[in-house]
PDB file of N, CA and C in Angstrom:
ATOM      1  N   UNK A   1      10.956  26.340  -4.998  1.00  0.00           N
ATOM      2  CA  UNK A   1      10.650  25.170  -5.543  1.00  0.00           C
ATOM      3  C   UNK A   1      11.492  24.189  -5.930  1.00  0.00           C
ATOM      4  N   UNK A   2      13.103  24.374  -5.860  1.00  0.00           N
ATOM      5  CA  UNK A   2      14.185  23.522  -6.100  1.00  0.00           C
ATOM      6  C   UNK A   2      13.947  22.351  -4.390  1.00  0.00           C
ATOM      7  N   UNK A   3      13.615  23.105  -3.334  1.00  0.00           N
ATOM      8  CA  UNK A   3      13.369  22.218  -2.059  1.00  0.00           C
ATOM      9  C   UNK A   3      12.087  21.249  -2.378  1.00  0.00           C
ATOM     10  N   UNK A   4      11.282  21.653  -3.017  1.00  0.00           N
ATOM     11  CA  UNK A   4       9.968  20.565  -3.410  1.00  0.00           C
ATOM     12  C   UNK A   4      10.834  19.107  -4.569  1.00  0.00           C
ATOM     13  N   UNK A   5      11.464  19.839  -5.077  1.00  0.00           N
ATOM     14  CA  UNK A   5      11.880  18.811  -6.341  1.00  0.00           C
ATOM     15  C   UNK A   5      12.896  17.673  -5.590  1.00  0.00           C
ATOM     16  N   UNK A   6      13.523  18.318  -4.443  1.00  0.00           N
ATOM     17  CA  UNK A   6      14.578  17.385  -3.881  1.00  0.00           C
ATOM     18  C   UNK A   6      13.672  16.179  -2.853  1.00  0.00           C
ATOM     19  N   UNK A   7      12.812  17.124  -2.348  1.00  0.00           N
ATOM     20  CA  UNK A   7      11.843  16.321  -1.294  1.00  0.00           C
ATOM     21  C   UNK A   7      11.049  15.208  -1.955  1.00  0.00           C
ATOM     22  N   UNK A   8      10.748  15.766  -3.270  1.00  0.00           N
ATOM     23  CA  UNK A   8       9.976  14.339  -4.051  1.00  0.00           C
ATOM     24  C   UNK A   8      10.842  13.541  -4.287  1.00  0.00           C
ATOM     25  N   UNK A   9      12.179  13.917  -4.578  1.00  0.00           N
ATOM     26  CA  UNK A   9      12.830  13.075  -5.140  1.00  0.00           C
ATOM     27  C   UNK A   9      13.319  11.849  -4.006  1.00  0.00           C
ATOM     28  N   UNK A  10      13.517  12.486  -2.868  1.00  0.00           N
ATOM     29  CA  UNK A  10      13.676  11.505  -1.393  1.00  0.00           C
ATOM     30  C   UNK A  10      12.575  10.668  -1.027  1.00  0.00           C
ATOM     31  N   UNK A  11      11.401  11.575  -1.344  1.00  0.00           N
ATOM     32  CA  UNK A  11       9.804  10.551  -0.739  1.00  0.00           C
ATOM     33  C   UNK A  11       9.895   9.520  -2.049  1.00  0.00           C
ATOM     34  N   UNK A  12       9.919   9.428  -3.161  1.00  0.00           N
ATOM     35  CA  UNK A  12       9.840   8.609  -4.111  1.00  0.00           C
ATOM     36  C   UNK A  12      11.089   7.752  -3.802  1.00  0.00           C
ATOM     37  N   UNK A  13      12.496   7.848  -3.532  1.00  0.00           N
ATOM     38  CA  UNK A  13      13.384   6.710  -3.408  1.00  0.00           C
ATOM     39  C   UNK A  13      13.133   6.179  -2.244  1.00  0.00           C
ATOM     40  N   UNK A  14      12.549   6.781  -1.021  1.00  0.00           N
ATOM     41  CA  UNK A  14      11.947   6.281   0.110  1.00  0.00           C
ATOM     42  C   UNK A  14      10.878   4.964  -0.350  1.00  0.00           C
ATOM     43  N   UNK A  15      10.210   5.478  -0.848  1.00  0.00           N
ATOM     44  CA  UNK A  15       8.954   4.606  -1.237  1.00  0.00           C
ATOM     45  C   UNK A  15       9.292   3.354  -2.126  1.00  0.00           C
ATOM     46  N   UNK A  16       9.974   3.772  -3.107  1.00  0.00           N
ATOM     47  CA  UNK A  16      10.458   2.711  -3.933  1.00  0.00           C
ATOM     48  C   UNK A  16      11.438   1.562  -3.374  1.00  0.00           C
ATOM     49  N   UNK A  17      12.066   2.081  -2.051  1.00  0.00           N
ATOM     50  CA  UNK A  17      12.878   1.228  -1.334  1.00  0.00           C
ATOM     51  C   UNK A  17      11.954   0.164  -0.475  1.00  0.00           C
ATOM     52  N   UNK A  18      11.108   0.658   0.084  1.00  0.00           N
ATOM     53  CA  UNK A  18       9.986   0.336   0.619  1.00  0.00           C
ATOM     54  C   UNK A  18       9.446  -0.699  -0.389  1.00  0.00           C
ATOM     55  N   UNK A  19       9.202  -0.493  -1.243  1.00  0.00           N
ATOM     56  CA  UNK A  19       8.421  -1.640  -2.300  1.00  0.00           C
ATOM     57  C   UNK A  19       9.184  -2.162  -2.758  1.00  0.00           C
ATOM     58  N   UNK A  20      10.378  -2.236  -3.237  1.00  0.00           N
ATOM     59  CA  UNK A  20      11.123  -3.280  -3.264  1.00  0.00           C
ATOM     60  C   UNK A  20      11.352  -4.089  -2.505  1.00  0.00           C
ATOM     61  N   UNK A  21      11.474  -3.873  -0.758  1.00  0.00           N
ATOM     62  CA  UNK A  21      11.404  -4.638   0.252  1.00  0.00           C
ATOM     63  C   UNK A  21      10.155  -5.449   0.161  1.00  0.00           C
ATOM     64  N   UNK A  22       9.035  -4.752  -0.026  1.00  0.00           N
ATOM     65  CA  UNK A  22       7.733  -5.440  -0.001  1.00  0.00           C
ATOM     66  C   UNK A  22       7.788  -6.875  -1.348  1.00  0.00           C
ATOM     67  N   UNK A  23       8.303  -6.484  -1.964  1.00  0.00           N
ATOM     68  CA  UNK A  23       8.185  -7.213  -3.456  1.00  0.00           C
ATOM     69  C   UNK A  23       9.294  -8.363  -3.268  1.00  0.00           C
ATOM     70  N   UNK A  24      10.103  -8.675  -2.381  1.00  0.00           N
ATOM     71  CA  UNK A  24      11.409  -9.651  -1.951  1.00  0.00           C
ATOM     72  C   UNK A  24      12.557  -9.162  -1.857  1.00  0.00           C
ATOM     73  N   UNK A  25      12.835  -7.884  -2.140  1.00  0.00           N
ATOM     74  CA  UNK A  25      14.553  -7.415  -2.009  1.00  0.00           C
ATOM     75  C   UNK A  25      14.911  -7.467  -0.717  1.00  0.00           C
ATOM     76  N   UNK A  26      16.198  -7.606  -0.222  1.00  0.00           N
ATOM     77  CA  UNK A  26      16.678  -7.632   0.974  1.00  0.00           C
ATOM     78  C   UNK A  26      15.941  -6.667   1.709  1.00  0.00           C
ATOM     79  N   UNK A  27      16.005  -7.099   3.315  1.00  0.00           N
ATOM     80  CA  UNK A  27      15.168  -5.993   4.372  1.00  0.00           C
ATOM     81  C   UNK A  27      16.333  -4.968   4.339  1.00  0.00           C
ATOM     82  N   UNK A  28      17.463  -5.153   3.890  1.00  0.00           N
ATOM     83  CA  UNK A  28      18.372  -3.623   3.988  1.00  0.00           C
ATOM     84  C   UNK A  28      17.714  -2.839   3.307  1.00  0.00           C
ATOM     85  N   UNK A  29      17.160  -2.504   2.185  1.00  0.00           N
ATOM     86  CA  UNK A  29      16.293  -1.591   1.664  1.00  0.00           C
ATOM     87  C   UNK A  29      15.477  -0.924   2.331  1.00  0.00           C
ATOM     88  N   UNK A  30      15.268  -1.294   3.789  1.00  0.00           N
ATOM     89  CA  UNK A  30      14.175  -0.571   4.350  1.00  0.00           C
ATOM     90  C   UNK A  30      15.245   0.762   5.171  1.00  0.00           C
ATOM     91  N   UNK A  31      16.433   0.642   4.900  1.00  0.00           N
ATOM     92  CA  UNK A  31      17.363   1.827   5.526  1.00  0.00           C
ATOM     93  C   UNK A  31      17.405   2.733   4.909  1.00  0.00           C
ATOM     94  N   UNK A  32      17.900   2.547   3.411  1.00  0.00           N
ATOM     95  CA  UNK A  32      17.873   4.179   2.658  1.00  0.00           C
ATOM     96  C   UNK A  32      16.150   4.377   2.765  1.00  0.00           C
ATOM     97  N   UNK A  33      15.423   3.341   2.630  1.00  0.00           N
ATOM     98  CA  UNK A  33      14.047   3.733   2.636  1.00  0.00           C
ATOM     99  C   UNK A  33      13.496   4.724   3.814  1.00  0.00           C
ATOM    100  N   UNK A  34      14.008   4.493   4.801  1.00  0.00           N
ATOM    101  CA  UNK A  34      13.814   5.197   6.162  1.00  0.00           C
ATOM    102  C   UNK A  34      14.195   6.534   5.951  1.00  0.00           C
ATOM    103  N   UNK A  35      15.685   6.333   5.520  1.00  0.00           N
ATOM    104  CA  UNK A  35      16.295   7.832   5.715  1.00  0.00           C
ATOM    105  C   UNK A  35      15.807   8.708   4.150  1.00  0.00           C
ATOM    106  N   UNK A  36      15.336   8.312   3.440  1.00  0.00           N
ATOM    107  CA  UNK A  36      14.607   9.153   2.284  1.00  0.00           C
ATOM    108  C   UNK A  36      13.707   9.509   2.488  1.00  0.00           C
ATOM    109  N   UNK A  37      12.586   8.448   3.382  1.00  0.00           N
ATOM    110  CA  UNK A  37      11.327   9.308   3.637  1.00  0.00           C
ATOM    111  C   UNK A  37      11.362  10.283   5.224  1.00  0.00           C
ATOM    112  N   UNK A  38      12.425  10.064   6.126  1.00  0.00           N
ATOM    113  CA  UNK A  38      12.761  10.973   7.058  1.00  0.00           C
ATOM    114  C   UNK A  38      13.368  12.394   5.895  1.00  0.00           C
ATOM    115  N   UNK A  39      14.035  12.189   5.505  1.00  0.00           N
ATOM    116  CA  UNK A  39      14.756  13.420   4.584  1.00  0.00           C
ATOM    117  C   UNK A  39      13.625  14.265   3.818  1.00  0.00           C
ATOM    118  N   UNK A  40      12.573  13.337   3.071  1.00  0.00           N
ATOM    119  CA  UNK A  40      11.554  14.257   2.603  1.00  0.00           C
ATOM    120  C   UNK A  40      10.672  15.019   3.609  1.00  0.00           C
ATOM    121  N   UNK A  41      10.695  14.275   4.892  1.00  0.00           N
ATOM    122  CA  UNK A  41       9.590  14.991   5.726  1.00  0.00           C
ATOM    123  C   UNK A  41      10.059  16.422   6.315  1.00  0.00           C
ATOM    124  N   UNK A  42      11.626  16.125   6.854  1.00  0.00           N
ATOM    125  CA  UNK A  42      12.556  17.214   6.866  1.00  0.00           C
ATOM    126  C   UNK A  42      12.659  18.502   5.984  1.00  0.00           C
ATOM    127  N   UNK A  43      12.891  18.039   4.673  1.00  0.00           N
ATOM    128  CA  UNK A  43      12.845  19.175   3.518  1.00  0.00           C
ATOM    129  C   UNK A  43      11.370  19.778   3.388  1.00  0.00           C
ATOM    130  N   UNK A  44      10.356  19.066   3.716  1.00  0.00           N
ATOM    131  CA  UNK A  44       9.191  19.905   3.337  1.00  0.00           C
ATOM    132  C   UNK A  44       8.705  20.565   4.710  1.00  0.00           C
ATOM    133  N   UNK A  45       9.222  20.136   5.556  1.00  0.00           N
ATOM    134  CA  UNK A  45       9.202  21.205   6.556  1.00  0.00           C
ATOM    135  C   UNK A  45       9.427  22.397   6.779  1.00  0.00           C
ATOM    136  N   UNK A  46      10.663  22.502   5.732  1.00  0.00           N
ATOM    137  CA  UNK A  46      11.292  23.909   5.337  1.00  0.00           C
ATOM    138  C   UNK A  46      10.880  24.696   4.300  1.00  0.00           C
ATOM    139  N   UNK A  47       9.718  24.333   3.762  1.00  0.00           N
ATOM    140  CA  UNK A  47       9.146  25.081   2.739  1.00  0.00           C
ATOM    141  C   UNK A  47       8.466  26.127   3.169  1.00  0.00           C
ATOM    142  N   UNK A  48       8.717  27.307   1.977  1.00  0.00           N
ATOM    143  CA  UNK A  48       8.420  28.707   2.562  1.00  0.00           C
ATOM    144  C   UNK A  48       7.169  29.138   2.684  1.00  0.00           C
ATOM    145  N   UNK A  49       6.103  28.676   2.201  1.00  0.00           N
ATOM    146  CA  UNK A  49       4.751  29.423   2.478  1.00  0.00           C
ATOM    147  C   UNK A  49       4.382  29.257   4.064  1.00  0.00           C
ATOM    148  N   UNK A  50       3.604  29.891   4.335  1.00  0.00           N
ATOM    149  CA  UNK A  50       3.436  30.492   5.709  1.00  0.00           C
ATOM    150  C   UNK A  50       2.543  29.215   6.575  1.00  0.00           C
ATOM    151  N   UNK A  51       1.373  28.882   5.364  1.00  0.00           N
ATOM    152  CA  UNK A  51       0.716  27.641   5.479  1.00  0.00           C
ATOM    153  C   UNK A  51       0.892  26.282   5.650  1.00  0.00           C
ATOM    154  N   UNK A  52       1.256  25.477   6.140  1.00  0.00           N
ATOM    155  CA  UNK A  52       1.320  23.911   5.867  1.00  0.00           C
ATOM    156  C   UNK A  52       0.529  23.396   4.682  1.00  0.00           C
ATOM    157  N   UNK A  53      -0.930  23.744   4.823  1.00  0.00           N
ATOM    158  CA  UNK A  53      -1.739  23.137   3.485  1.00  0.00           C
ATOM    159  C   UNK A  53      -1.664  23.746   2.638  1.00  0.00           C
ATOM    160  N   UNK A  54      -0.896  24.833   2.217  1.00  0.00           N
ATOM    161  CA  UNK A  54      -0.791  25.620   1.087  1.00  0.00           C
ATOM    162  C   UNK A  54       0.612  24.579   0.564  1.00  0.00           C
ATOM    163  N   UNK A  55       1.636  24.661   1.352  1.00  0.00           N
ATOM    164  CA  UNK A  55       3.265  24.342   1.038  1.00  0.00           C
ATOM    165  C   UNK A  55       2.687  22.654   0.548  1.00  0.00           C
ATOM    166  N   UNK A  56       1.968  22.141   1.325  1.00  0.00           N
ATOM    167  CA  UNK A  56       1.517  20.703   0.988  1.00  0.00           C
ATOM    168  C   UNK A  56       0.938  20.152  -0.533  1.00  0.00           C
ATOM    169  N   UNK A  57      -0.091  21.308  -0.947  1.00  0.00           N
ATOM    170  CA  UNK A  57      -0.511  21.408  -1.668  1.00  0.00           C
ATOM    171  C   UNK A  57       0.034  21.502  -3.189  1.00  0.00           C
ATOM    172  N   UNK A  58       0.927  22.527  -2.633  1.00  0.00           N
ATOM    173  CA  UNK A  58       1.806  22.685  -4.159  1.00  0.00           C
ATOM    174  C   UNK A  58       2.935  21.516  -4.273  1.00  0.00           C
ATOM    175  N   UNK A  59       3.286  21.408  -2.996  1.00  0.00           N
ATOM    176  CA  UNK A  59       4.098  19.695  -3.240  1.00  0.00           C
ATOM    177  C   UNK A  59       3.793  18.936  -3.972  1.00  0.00           C
ATOM    178  N   UNK A  60       2.479  18.599  -3.832  1.00  0.00           N
ATOM    179  CA  UNK A  60       1.827  17.502  -4.612  1.00  0.00           C
ATOM    180  C   UNK A  60       1.786  17.862  -6.027  1.00  0.00           C
ATOM    181  N   UNK A  61       1.870  19.058  -6.691  1.00  0.00           N
ATOM    182  CA  UNK A  61       2.327  18.644  -8.172  1.00  0.00           C
ATOM    183  C   UNK A  61       3.467  18.747  -8.502  1.00  0.00           C
ATOM    184  N   UNK A  62       4.550  18.852  -7.808  1.00  0.00           N
ATOM    185  CA  UNK A  62       5.962  18.345  -8.044  1.00  0.00           C
ATOM    186  C   UNK A  62       5.965  17.308  -7.748  1.00  0.00           C
ATOM    187  N   UNK A  63       5.590  16.507  -6.470  1.00  0.00           N
ATOM    188  CA  UNK A  63       5.407  14.976  -6.762  1.00  0.00           C
ATOM    189  C   UNK A  63       5.201  14.444  -7.927  1.00  0.00           C
ATOM    190  N   UNK A  64       3.710  14.489  -8.559  1.00  0.00           N
ATOM    191  CA  UNK A  64       3.370  14.271  -9.480  1.00  0.00           C
ATOM    192  C   UNK A  64       4.417  14.049 -10.887  1.00  0.00           C
ATOM    193  N   UNK A  65       4.931  15.354 -10.977  1.00  0.00           N
ATOM    194  CA  UNK A  65       6.008  15.023 -12.179  1.00  0.00           C
ATOM    195  C   UNK A  65       6.997  14.534 -11.633  1.00  0.00           C
ATOM    196  N   UNK A  66       8.000  14.359 -10.630  1.00  0.00           N
ATOM    197  CA  UNK A  66       8.691  13.988 -10.471  1.00  0.00           C
ATOM    198  C   UNK A  66       8.417  12.499 -10.506  1.00  0.00           C
ATOM    199  N   UNK A  67       7.465  11.938 -10.075  1.00  0.00           N
ATOM    200  CA  UNK A  67       6.812  10.313 -10.327  1.00  0.00           C
ATOM    201  C   UNK A  67       7.103   9.700 -11.530  1.00  0.00           C
ATOM    202  N   UNK A  68       6.600  10.839 -12.490  1.00  0.00           N
ATOM    203  CA  UNK A  68       6.535  10.519 -14.033  1.00  0.00           C
ATOM    204  C   UNK A  68       7.814  10.133 -14.168  1.00  0.00           C
ATOM    205  N   UNK A  69       8.831  11.423 -14.063  1.00  0.00           N
ATOM    206  CA  UNK A  69      10.217  11.360 -14.324  1.00  0.00           C
ATOM    207  C   UNK A  69      11.105   9.979 -13.624  1.00  0.00           C
ATOM    208  N   UNK A  70      10.405   9.474 -12.467  1.00  0.00           N
ATOM    209  CA  UNK A  70      11.275   8.163 -12.012  1.00  0.00           C
ATOM    210  C   UNK A  70      10.653   7.032 -13.065  1.00  0.00           C
ATOM    211  N   UNK A  71       9.123   7.459 -13.332  1.00  0.00           N
ATOM    212  CA  UNK A  71       8.741   6.190 -14.264  1.00  0.00           C
ATOM    213  C   UNK A  71       9.643   5.670 -15.234  1.00  0.00           C
ATOM    214  N   UNK A  72      10.221   7.079 -15.794  1.00  0.00           N
ATOM    215  CA  UNK A  72      10.751   6.612 -17.122  1.00  0.00           C
ATOM    216  C   UNK A  72      12.299   6.398 -16.605  1.00  0.00           C
ATOM    217  N   UNK A  73      12.979   7.455 -15.993  1.00  0.00           N
ATOM    218  CA  UNK A  73      14.375   7.316 -15.857  1.00  0.00           C
ATOM    219  C   UNK A  73      14.972   6.204 -15.206  1.00  0.00           C
ATOM    220  N   UNK A  74      14.233   5.931 -13.959  1.00  0.00           N
ATOM    221  CA  UNK A  74      14.351   4.505 -12.942  1.00  0.00           C
ATOM    222  C   UNK A  74      13.496   3.278 -13.714  1.00  0.00           C
ATOM    223  N   UNK A  75      12.593   3.311 -13.885  1.00  0.00           N
ATOM    224  CA  UNK A  75      12.019   2.170 -13.964  1.00  0.00           C
ATOM    225  C   UNK A  75      11.845   1.740 -15.747  1.00  0.00           C
ATOM    226  N   UNK A  76      12.210   2.821 -16.464  1.00  0.00           N
ATOM    227  CA  UNK A  76      12.533   2.370 -17.982  1.00  0.00           C
ATOM    228  C   UNK A  76      11.133   2.591 -18.676  1.00  0.00           C
ATOM    229  N   UNK A  77      10.057   2.946 -17.901  1.00  0.00           N
ATOM    230  CA  UNK A  77       8.836   2.992 -18.878  1.00  0.00           C
ATOM    231  C   UNK A  77       8.483   4.124 -19.395  1.00  0.00           C
ATOM    232  N   UNK A  78       8.244   4.361 -20.434  1.00  0.00           N
ATOM    233  CA  UNK A  78       8.304   5.853 -21.166  1.00  0.00           C
ATOM    234  C   UNK A  78       6.697   6.178 -20.662  1.00  0.00           C
ATOM    235  N   UNK A  79       6.595   7.575 -20.238  1.00  0.00           N
ATOM    236  CA  UNK A  79       5.408   8.023 -20.249  1.00  0.00           C
ATOM    237  C   UNK A  79       4.297   8.539 -21.271  1.00  0.00           C
ATOM    238  N   UNK A  80       3.614   8.149 -21.336  1.00  0.00           N
ATOM    239  CA  UNK A  80       2.646   8.226 -22.423  1.00  0.00           C
ATOM    240  C   UNK A  80       1.913   9.959 -22.375  1.00  0.00           C
ATOM    241  N   UNK A  81       1.104  10.092 -23.301  1.00  0.00           N
ATOM    242  CA  UNK A  81       0.269  11.315 -23.444  1.00  0.00           C
ATOM    243  C   UNK A  81      -0.201  11.827 -22.118  1.00  0.00           C
ATOM    244  N   UNK A  82      -0.914  10.831 -21.528  1.00  0.00           N
ATOM    245  CA  UNK A  82      -1.800  11.245 -20.405  1.00  0.00           C
ATOM    246  C   UNK A  82      -1.129  11.653 -19.243  1.00  0.00           C
ATOM    247  N   UNK A  83       0.486  10.875 -19.109  1.00  0.00           N
ATOM    248  CA  UNK A  83       1.203  10.916 -17.867  1.00  0.00           C
ATOM    249  C   UNK A  83       1.828  12.448 -18.049  1.00  0.00           C
ATOM    250  N   UNK A  84       2.008  12.820 -19.415  1.00  0.00           N
ATOM    251  CA  UNK A  84       2.688  14.064 -19.346  1.00  0.00           C
ATOM    252  C   UNK A  84       1.694  15.027 -19.212  1.00  0.00           C
ATOM    253  N   UNK A  85       0.430  14.949 -19.706  1.00  0.00           N
ATOM    254  CA  UNK A  85      -0.220  15.886 -19.589  1.00  0.00           C
ATOM    255  C   UNK A  85      -0.797  16.186 -18.111  1.00  0.00           C
ATOM    256  N   UNK A  86      -0.942  15.126 -17.509  1.00  0.00           N
ATOM    257  CA  UNK A  86      -1.630  15.307 -16.021  1.00  0.00           C
ATOM    258  C   UNK A  86      -0.381  15.836 -15.351  1.00  0.00           C
ATOM    259  N   UNK A  87       1.178  15.544 -15.301  1.00  0.00           N
ATOM    260  CA  UNK A  87       2.119  15.890 -14.784  1.00  0.00           C
ATOM    261  C   UNK A  87       1.853  17.515 -15.190  1.00  0.00           C
ATOM    262  N   UNK A  88       1.734  18.046 -16.619  1.00  0.00           N
ATOM    263  CA  UNK A  88       1.716  19.180 -16.630  1.00  0.00           C
ATOM    264  C   UNK A  88       0.497  19.984 -15.906  1.00  0.00           C
ATOM    265  N   UNK A  89      -0.534  19.555 -15.956  1.00  0.00           N
ATOM    266  CA  UNK A  89      -1.523  20.611 -15.083  1.00  0.00           C
ATOM    267  C   UNK A  89      -1.058  20.263 -13.925  1.00  0.00           C
ATOM    268  N   UNK A  90      -0.664  19.289 -13.239  1.00  0.00           N
ATOM    269  CA  UNK A  90      -0.281  19.315 -11.930  1.00  0.00           C
ATOM    270  C   UNK A  90       0.688  20.356 -11.451  1.00  0.00           C
ATOM    271  N   UNK A  91       1.600  20.778 -12.242  1.00  0.00           N
ATOM    272  CA  UNK A  91       2.673  21.663 -12.182  1.00  0.00           C
ATOM    273  C   UNK A  91       1.867  23.086 -12.382  1.00  0.00           C
ATOM    274  N   UNK A  92       0.970  23.050 -13.269  1.00  0.00           N
ATOM    275  CA  UNK A  92       0.526  24.625 -13.310  1.00  0.00           C
ATOM    276  C   UNK A  92      -0.175  24.696 -12.168  1.00  0.00           C
ATOM    277  N   UNK A  93      -0.738  23.595 -11.633  1.00  0.00           N
ATOM    278  CA  UNK A  93      -1.699  23.985 -10.363  1.00  0.00           C
ATOM    279  C   UNK A  93      -0.879  24.281  -8.998  1.00  0.00           C
ATOM    280  N   UNK A  94       0.191  23.483  -8.761  1.00  0.00           N
ATOM    281  CA  UNK A  94       1.203  23.798  -8.038  1.00  0.00           C
ATOM    282  C   UNK A  94       1.654  25.440  -8.089  1.00  0.00           C
ATOM    283  N   UNK A  95       1.926  25.707  -9.474  1.00  0.00           N
ATOM    284  CA  UNK A  95       2.531  27.131  -9.541  1.00  0.00           C
ATOM    285  C   UNK A  95       1.520  28.267  -9.343  1.00  0.00           C
ATOM    286  N   UNK A  96       0.243  27.655  -9.585  1.00  0.00           N
ATOM    287  CA  UNK A  96      -0.957  28.580  -8.884  1.00  0.00           C
ATOM    288  C   UNK A  96      -1.077  28.952  -7.479  1.00  0.00           C
ATOM    289  N   UNK A  97      -0.970  27.877  -6.869  1.00  0.00           N
ATOM    290  CA  UNK A  97      -0.869  27.733  -5.275  1.00  0.00           C
ATOM    291  C   UNK A  97       0.247  28.403  -4.868  1.00  0.00           C
ATOM    292  N   UNK A  98       1.272  28.490  -5.498  1.00  0.00           N
ATOM    293  CA  UNK A  98       2.421  29.190  -4.711  1.00  0.00           C
ATOM    294  C   UNK A  98       2.543  30.307  -5.088  1.00  0.00           C
ATOM    295  N   UNK A  99       1.954  30.896  -6.012  1.00  0.00           N
ATOM    296  CA  UNK A  99       2.285  32.280  -6.755  1.00  0.00           C
ATOM    297  C   UNK A  99       1.060  33.201  -7.254  1.00  0.00           C
ATOM    298  N   UNK A 100       0.077  32.261  -6.977  1.00  0.00           N
ATOM    299  CA  UNK A 100      -1.296  33.165  -7.462  1.00  0.00           C
ATOM    300  C   UNK A 100      -1.344  34.141  -6.334  1.00  0.00           C
ATOM    301  N   UNK A 101      -1.908  35.274  -6.829  1.00  0.00           N
ATOM    302  CA  UNK A 101      -2.448  36.283  -5.879  1.00  0.00           C
ATOM    303  C   UNK A 101      -3.316  36.155  -4.838  1.00  0.00           C
ATOM    304  N   UNK A 102      -3.223  36.614  -3.552  1.00  0.00           N
ATOM    305  CA  UNK A 102      -3.453  36.790  -2.418  1.00  0.00           C
ATOM    306  C   UNK A 102      -4.489  37.686  -2.105  1.00  0.00           C
ATOM    307  N   UNK A 103      -5.355  37.744  -1.438  1.00  0.00           N
ATOM    308  CA  UNK A 103      -5.977  38.846  -1.045  1.00  0.00           C
ATOM    309  C   UNK A 103      -5.604  39.641   0.036  1.00  0.00           C
TER     310      UNK A 103
END
């Protein structure tokens, strides 16, 4: 799970850098953006499940929760009950995908 958390932070930071450039920030924002997105892809490729689809699905839940934290800590917008509830549901889904019983 820590691998997913780090991957999510890199993806969000990379996308945020591109988002910032698109909205008028310096073109230099694309450099950390590209580095963040490349790091995200590398880390996600290291994820432990034997099937990529399962790994990506579980990562999605972590990404949702990390995005809500980014909203609060970086953008300064406090999450509401729907943000927190949705993130909690996504994390439960990610845990079920990762650690649920397999036949």
